[in-house]
Amino acid sequence: MGLFKKEEKLDKSDIINPNEKLDGTVVLIKVAPRYERKVYDALVKLNLTLNLTFELYPVLGEYDIVLIIHSKPIVDLWDVFRFVANNIRTIEGVVETYTSTIPKL
């Protein structure tokens, strides 16, 4: 049995809009052992290259780095997808990412 009864239908407000404008994005990054510094430095360099506004924190736990991007130029879900796929997941040593968006309210 699914989440909805047969007679229930999804409302348009229940569907994620990939063009929804964002206030920011949080990316949790899991790094291979001994690559933490290399990945961190690559993210700092990426920030300088792309002129982004973001916060970067090394952390302990399931993930190794927390990256918080403050909107521009990452303004919608498509931008988030492209940025993470093309710029973060391609860094040597990145094992996994988990991304959450901060919508404009």
Protein backbone atom coordinates (compact mmCIF):
# COMPACT_ATOMS: atom_id res chain seq x y z
CA MET A 1 0.00 0.00 0.00
CA GLY A 2 1.35 3.42 -0.94
CA LEU A 3 1.33 6.65 0.98
CA PHE A 4 -1.94 7.78 -0.58
CA LYS A 5 -5.30 6.06 -0.76
CA LYS A 6 -6.54 5.36 -4.28
CA GLU A 7 -8.97 8.28 -4.20
CA GLU A 8 -6.32 10.73 -2.96
CA LYS A 9 -4.48 12.71 -5.58
CA LEU A 10 -1.44 14.90 -5.29
CA ASP A 11 -2.10 18.61 -5.21
CA LYS A 12 0.23 20.80 -7.31
CA SER A 13 1.54 22.26 -4.04
CA ASP A 14 2.80 18.76 -3.07
CA ILE A 15 5.17 18.60 -6.04
CA ILE A 16 8.66 20.07 -5.90
CA ASN A 17 9.15 22.85 -8.40
CA PRO A 18 12.71 22.69 -9.80
CA ASN A 19 12.52 26.39 -10.67
CA GLU A 20 11.65 27.41 -7.10
CA LYS A 21 13.90 30.24 -5.94
CA LEU A 22 16.23 29.45 -3.06
CA ASP A 23 17.78 31.33 -0.16
CA GLY A 24 20.62 28.85 0.03
CA THR A 25 21.84 25.28 -0.09
CA VAL A 26 23.46 23.00 2.47
CA VAL A 27 25.77 20.27 1.14
CA LEU A 28 27.08 17.58 3.50
CA ILE A 29 30.22 16.01 2.06
CA LYS A 30 31.70 12.62 2.95
CA VAL A 31 35.38 12.36 2.16
CA ALA A 32 37.71 9.36 1.77
CA PRO A 33 40.19 8.92 4.64
CA ARG A 34 43.26 11.18 4.35
CA TYR A 35 41.62 13.39 1.69
CA GLU A 36 39.94 15.82 4.10
CA ARG A 37 42.47 18.62 3.68
CA LYS A 38 42.73 18.16 -0.09
CA VAL A 39 38.94 18.36 -0.55
CA TYR A 40 38.66 21.32 1.84
CA ASP A 41 41.37 23.20 -0.09
CA ALA A 42 39.67 22.37 -3.41
CA LEU A 43 36.40 23.83 -2.10
CA VAL A 44 38.16 27.03 -0.97
CA LYS A 45 39.72 27.31 -4.44
CA LEU A 46 36.31 26.69 -6.04
CA ASN A 47 34.87 29.51 -3.95
CA LEU A 48 37.55 31.90 -5.18
CA THR A 49 37.22 30.74 -8.80
CA LEU A 50 33.42 30.95 -9.02
CA ASN A 51 33.06 33.96 -6.70
CA LEU A 52 30.46 32.24 -4.53
CA THR A 53 29.33 33.30 -1.09
CA PHE A 54 29.52 30.26 1.16
CA GLU A 55 30.50 28.93 4.55
CA LEU A 56 32.73 25.88 4.85
CA TYR A 57 33.13 23.81 8.02
CA PRO A 58 35.14 20.67 8.71
CA VAL A 59 33.03 18.52 11.07
CA LEU A 60 33.20 15.19 12.89
CA GLY A 61 30.54 12.54 12.35
CA GLU A 62 28.99 10.78 9.38
CA TYR A 63 30.03 13.62 7.07
CA ASP A 64 33.37 15.43 7.02
CA ILE A 65 32.59 18.85 5.55
CA VAL A 66 29.52 21.08 5.67
CA LEU A 67 29.16 23.59 2.85
CA ILE A 68 26.47 26.29 3.10
CA ILE A 69 25.96 28.23 -0.13
CA HIS A 70 24.14 31.56 0.08
CA SER A 71 22.01 31.94 -3.06
CA LYS A 72 23.71 33.71 -5.98
CA PRO A 73 24.62 32.25 -8.41
CA ILE A 74 22.87 29.10 -7.10
CA VAL A 75 19.27 30.28 -7.40
CA ASP A 76 17.11 27.22 -8.16
CA LEU A 77 17.14 23.42 -7.90
CA TRP A 78 18.61 23.01 -11.38
CA ASP A 79 21.56 25.21 -10.38
CA VAL A 80 22.03 23.11 -7.22
CA PHE A 81 22.02 19.86 -9.20
CA ARG A 82 24.53 21.16 -11.75
CA PHE A 83 26.79 22.72 -9.13
CA VAL A 84 26.99 19.61 -6.94
CA ALA A 85 27.33 17.18 -9.88
CA ASN A 86 29.88 19.22 -11.83
CA ASN A 87 31.91 20.91 -9.10
CA ILE A 88 31.75 18.97 -5.84
CA ARG A 89 31.33 15.32 -6.80
CA THR A 90 34.20 15.62 -9.26
CA ILE A 91 36.72 16.57 -6.55
CA GLU A 92 39.12 13.70 -5.90
CA GLY A 93 38.36 12.18 -2.50
CA VAL A 94 34.66 13.09 -2.37
CA VAL A 95 32.81 9.86 -1.63
CA GLU A 96 29.24 11.06 -1.10
CA THR A 97 27.16 14.22 -0.88
CA TYR A 98 23.82 14.97 0.74
CA THR A 99 22.14 18.17 -0.37
CA SER A 100 19.31 20.14 1.21
CA THR A 101 17.93 23.41 -0.08
CA ILE A 102 16.73 26.44 1.86
CA PRO A 103 13.63 27.77 0.03
CA LYS A 104 12.59 31.41 -0.02
CA LEU A 105 9.54 31.77 2.20
